[in-house]
Structure formats: structure tokens, C-alpha cells
Amino acid sequence: MRPQPAWLLSSARAIAEVFVRKGFGGTRMDDLVTASGVPRATLYYHFRGKDAVLSWLMHSTIGHLATAVRTATEGPGNARDRLESTVRAVLATTAEYPEACRVLIGNLDQTGQLADTVAELVAAFHAPVMAVLEEGAADGSLRAVGDPAGIASAVFGAVTIAALQALVVEGEFDADAVGDSLIDFVVRGLRGDA
């Protein structure tokens, strides 16, 4: 894949909407050409087909998520504060890129790179959250857990499913309200002083 031009980044939301609306199987390159507003030859210059476009979109979304999580987990406060910030950061990323997040979760296995995508998600979310969980046990702001990897996966699942519930089922996404519910359930359940 060639370096991505600015027009592609600005077209990401429209491209993601096509995958959300039509699904991977129903999406054609012509649909992506129309959504991006560029000539077909230009899109093919950068991508060999719709699977490559989907792969780019998924990796781009994970990149946004990784940046948000890194900022939150390296931010101020004790580990519990940073875990709360991480939950809110993931939800804010979902609110900023709702279609791309839906595409990411709904198409994890479509590009034939499931193991690579999961490894990216582990690096972007799970590893930093596991570090915060361990720091929280050490500083007393979170209780010690026997399986930090499992708890990080549970937190990721809770955040992801709650966000998708709001986006898909309810059709409206209030990141602050979802965050308040998740923090009450997840983060406070891990408190060190509970």
C-alpha cells in the first residue's frame, strides 16, 4: 500500500459509512469511489481492492484508538484516574469515528488478517490497560487482580459493546452518559478501597 494522501484521510468517514450501510460483501469499489469522490484509477493506485481499503480503515481506526489510550494511560493522576480516563478516551474516539469503529468491530475477520488485527488491538488497548491495572494494585487505587490480561479484555469488551449498543441499537451515542455507566460498573468495581 502506498503512502496515503490527505484526500483519503478526509474521506475515511464516507468510506466507512459505505461499509456500514452495505456490509463488506455488498460493497463494491465503485461505491468507495463515489464515497471518496476520487477517480477509480486513483483509488486503485492506492489500493488493490475493497479488502485493502477495509484493512486501511481498520488499521487507521486502531491507530486513533492507540493514540487516545496512550494519552489517557500516560496522563496525570493515580492508576484509577487513568483507567477512568482510558474508558472515556475510548468512548470519545468512538464518538469521533462512529462509522469506522462499527466497521472495525463488525469486520474483524474480513481482511484475512484477524491475528494481526487482534495483535494491534492488544498493543493499542490491552497492554497499556494491563500496565495501569498493575500500577493501581501497587499504588492502592485499584485492587489486585489475578488475571490482568483477562480484566483488560473484559474492560475492552464492556466499553466496545456499550458503545455499539448505543450506536447501533439506540441510534444515539452520548459518550459521557455511557462513560458514567461504565465507570460506575467497571472502574469502581476494581477500586482498591472498595
Protein backbone atom coordinates (compact mmCIF):
# COMPACT_ATOMS: atom_id res chain seq x y z
CA MET A 1 0.00 0.00 0.00
CA ARG A 2 1.34 3.42 -0.96
CA PRO A 3 1.53 6.42 1.42
CA GLN A 4 -1.94 7.81 1.97
CA PRO A 5 -2.80 11.27 0.65
CA ALA A 6 -4.83 13.86 2.55
CA TRP A 7 -7.97 13.25 0.44
CA LEU A 8 -8.11 9.68 1.71
CA LEU A 9 -7.95 10.71 5.35
CA SER A 10 -10.72 13.25 4.78
CA SER A 11 -12.81 10.58 3.01
CA ALA A 12 -12.46 7.96 5.77
CA ARG A 13 -15.86 8.68 7.32
CA ALA A 14 -17.68 8.46 3.97
CA ILE A 15 -15.83 5.25 3.10
CA ALA A 16 -16.69 3.75 6.49
CA GLU A 17 -20.35 4.68 6.01
CA VAL A 18 -20.42 2.60 2.82
CA PHE A 19 -19.11 -0.48 4.65
CA VAL A 20 -21.60 0.09 7.49
CA ARG A 21 -24.56 0.57 5.14
CA LYS A 22 -23.78 -2.17 2.61
CA GLY A 23 -21.62 -4.57 4.59
CA PHE A 24 -18.35 -5.91 3.27
CA GLY A 25 -20.00 -8.35 0.86
CA GLY A 26 -22.31 -5.72 -0.62
CA THR A 27 -19.67 -3.03 -1.02
CA ARG A 28 -18.06 -2.56 -4.44
CA MET A 29 -15.05 -0.47 -5.35
CA ASP A 30 -17.38 1.79 -7.35
CA ASP A 31 -19.25 2.52 -4.11
CA LEU A 32 -15.96 3.51 -2.47
CA VAL A 33 -15.02 5.64 -5.49
CA THR A 34 -18.31 7.50 -5.18
CA ALA A 35 -17.94 7.93 -1.42
CA SER A 36 -14.34 9.16 -1.62
CA GLY A 37 -15.03 11.48 -4.53
CA VAL A 38 -11.87 10.44 -6.39
CA PRO A 39 -11.47 8.75 -9.76
CA ARG A 40 -11.49 4.97 -9.81
CA ALA A 41 -7.90 4.85 -11.11
CA THR A 42 -6.74 6.96 -8.18
CA LEU A 43 -8.36 4.66 -5.65
CA TYR A 44 -6.86 1.61 -7.39
CA TYR A 45 -3.47 3.34 -7.42
CA HIS A 46 -3.54 3.26 -3.60
CA PHE A 47 -5.49 0.02 -3.01
CA ARG A 48 -5.70 -3.27 -4.89
CA GLY A 49 -9.36 -3.77 -3.89
CA LYS A 50 -12.03 -3.25 -1.27
CA ASP A 51 -10.31 -5.63 1.17
CA ALA A 52 -7.25 -3.33 1.14
CA VAL A 53 -9.47 -0.28 1.71
CA LEU A 54 -11.15 -2.04 4.63
CA SER A 55 -7.78 -3.08 6.03
CA TRP A 56 -6.51 0.51 5.82
CA LEU A 57 -9.66 1.80 7.51
CA MET A 58 -9.39 -0.75 10.32
CA HIS A 59 -5.70 -0.05 10.96
CA SER A 60 -6.33 3.69 10.85
CA THR A 61 -9.10 3.31 13.46
CA ILE A 62 -6.86 1.24 15.71
CA GLY A 63 -4.25 3.99 15.35
CA HIS A 64 -6.74 6.59 16.62
CA LEU A 65 -7.65 4.28 19.48
CA ALA A 66 -3.98 3.67 20.36
CA THR A 67 -3.26 7.39 20.48
CA ALA A 68 -6.25 8.06 22.75
CA VAL A 69 -5.40 5.17 25.09
CA ARG A 70 -1.73 6.12 25.27
CA THR A 71 -2.61 9.71 26.15
CA ALA A 72 -5.03 8.55 28.86
CA THR A 73 -2.83 5.86 30.40
CA GLU A 74 0.20 8.17 30.48
CA GLY A 75 -1.83 11.11 31.83
CA PRO A 76 -1.99 12.59 35.31
CA GLY A 77 -3.47 11.02 38.42
CA ASN A 78 -3.31 7.66 40.06
CA ALA A 79 -4.00 4.43 38.20
CA ARG A 80 -7.74 4.54 38.90
CA ASP A 81 -7.94 8.07 37.48
CA ARG A 82 -6.05 6.95 34.38
CA LEU A 83 -8.28 3.88 33.95
CA GLU A 84 -11.34 6.15 34.06
CA SER A 85 -9.66 8.46 31.55
CA THR A 86 -8.95 5.46 29.32
CA VAL A 87 -12.60 4.37 29.31
CA ARG A 88 -13.64 7.92 28.44
CA ALA A 89 -10.92 8.21 25.77
CA VAL A 90 -12.09 5.05 24.01
CA LEU A 91 -15.67 6.31 24.10
CA ALA A 92 -14.60 9.73 22.80
CA THR A 93 -12.76 8.02 19.94
CA THR A 94 -15.90 6.02 19.18
CA ALA A 95 -17.95 9.23 19.20
CA GLU A 96 -15.45 10.92 16.87
CA TYR A 97 -15.23 7.97 14.44
CA PRO A 98 -18.52 6.08 14.91
CA GLU A 99 -18.72 4.51 11.46
CA ALA A 100 -15.08 3.45 11.45
CA CYS A 101 -15.45 1.87 14.90
CA ARG A 102 -18.52 -0.04 13.73
CA VAL A 103 -16.58 -1.23 10.69
CA LEU A 104 -13.64 -2.29 12.86
CA ILE A 105 -15.72 -4.39 15.24
CA GLY A 106 -18.08 -5.72 12.58
CA ASN A 107 -15.35 -6.80 10.17
CA LEU A 108 -12.51 -8.10 12.31
CA ASP A 109 -12.17 -11.23 10.21
CA GLN A 110 -12.94 -9.85 6.73
CA THR A 111 -9.44 -8.85 5.67
CA GLY A 112 -7.91 -12.25 6.38
CA GLN A 113 -5.61 -10.67 8.95
CA LEU A 114 -7.52 -11.42 12.15
CA ALA A 115 -4.42 -12.40 14.14
CA ASP A 116 -2.63 -9.21 13.08
CA THR A 117 -5.65 -7.03 13.88
CA VAL A 118 -6.09 -8.62 17.30
CA ALA A 119 -2.36 -8.14 17.98
CA GLU A 120 -2.76 -4.45 17.10
CA LEU A 121 -5.72 -4.15 19.48
CA VAL A 122 -3.73 -5.85 22.25
CA ALA A 123 -0.90 -3.36 21.77
CA ALA A 124 -3.28 -0.40 21.47
CA PHE A 125 -5.55 -1.17 24.43
CA HIS A 126 -4.86 -4.31 26.41
CA ALA A 127 -1.15 -3.83 27.14
CA PRO A 128 -1.50 -0.23 28.40
CA VAL A 129 -4.56 -1.14 30.48
CA MET A 130 -2.77 -4.15 31.97
CA ALA A 131 0.06 -1.82 33.00
CA VAL A 132 -2.43 0.57 34.63
CA LEU A 133 -4.08 -2.34 36.47
CA GLU A 134 -0.70 -3.42 37.84
CA GLU A 135 0.19 0.16 38.81
CA GLY A 136 -3.19 0.50 40.52
CA ALA A 137 -2.57 -2.61 42.60
CA ALA A 138 0.81 -1.17 43.59
CA ASP A 139 -0.47 2.33 44.46
CA GLY A 140 -3.66 1.02 46.12
CA SER A 141 -6.07 2.86 43.82
CA LEU A 142 -7.21 -0.41 42.21
CA ARG A 143 -7.50 -3.85 43.73
CA ALA A 144 -5.06 -6.52 42.67
CA VAL A 145 -6.42 -8.88 40.03
CA GLY A 146 -5.21 -12.38 39.31
CA ASP A 147 -5.57 -12.09 35.54
CA PRO A 148 -4.75 -8.57 34.27
CA ALA A 149 -5.00 -9.73 30.64
CA GLY A 150 -8.48 -11.12 31.22
CA ILE A 151 -9.60 -7.99 33.07
CA ALA A 152 -8.20 -5.76 30.29
CA SER A 153 -10.18 -7.85 27.78
CA ALA A 154 -13.30 -7.55 29.93
CA VAL A 155 -12.91 -3.77 30.13
CA PHE A 156 -12.38 -3.56 26.37
CA GLY A 157 -15.42 -5.74 25.78
CA ALA A 158 -17.56 -3.70 28.15
CA VAL A 159 -16.56 -0.41 26.53
CA THR A 160 -16.92 -1.74 22.99
CA ILE A 161 -20.28 -3.43 23.49
CA ALA A 162 -21.73 -0.49 25.42
CA ALA A 163 -20.63 1.87 22.64
CA LEU A 164 -22.02 -0.38 19.90
CA GLN A 165 -25.28 -0.78 21.81
CA ALA A 166 -25.67 2.98 21.86
CA LEU A 167 -24.58 3.43 18.23
CA VAL A 168 -26.48 0.57 16.62
CA VAL A 169 -29.47 -0.25 18.81
CA GLU A 170 -30.25 3.10 20.35
CA GLY A 171 -29.08 5.10 17.34
CA GLU A 172 -27.70 7.81 19.57
CA PHE A 173 -24.33 7.95 21.29
CA ASP A 174 -23.73 10.08 24.36
CA ALA A 175 -20.13 9.25 25.27
CA ASP A 176 -20.39 10.94 28.68
CA ALA A 177 -23.52 9.03 29.71
CA VAL A 178 -22.11 5.71 28.52
CA GLY A 179 -18.84 6.55 30.27
CA ASP A 180 -20.59 7.32 33.55
CA SER A 181 -22.35 3.94 33.49
CA LEU A 182 -19.21 2.03 32.56
CA ILE A 183 -17.04 3.77 35.12
CA ASP A 184 -19.60 3.08 37.81
CA PHE A 185 -19.70 -0.60 36.87
CA VAL A 186 -16.15 -1.38 35.72
CA VAL A 187 -13.75 1.05 37.31
CA ARG A 188 -15.43 1.36 40.68
CA GLY A 189 -15.66 -2.43 40.80
CA LEU A 190 -11.87 -2.51 40.57
CA ARG A 191 -11.30 0.15 43.23
CA GLY A 192 -8.64 -0.53 45.75
CA ASP A 193 -10.67 0.95 48.60
CA ALA A 194 -13.91 -0.94 47.88
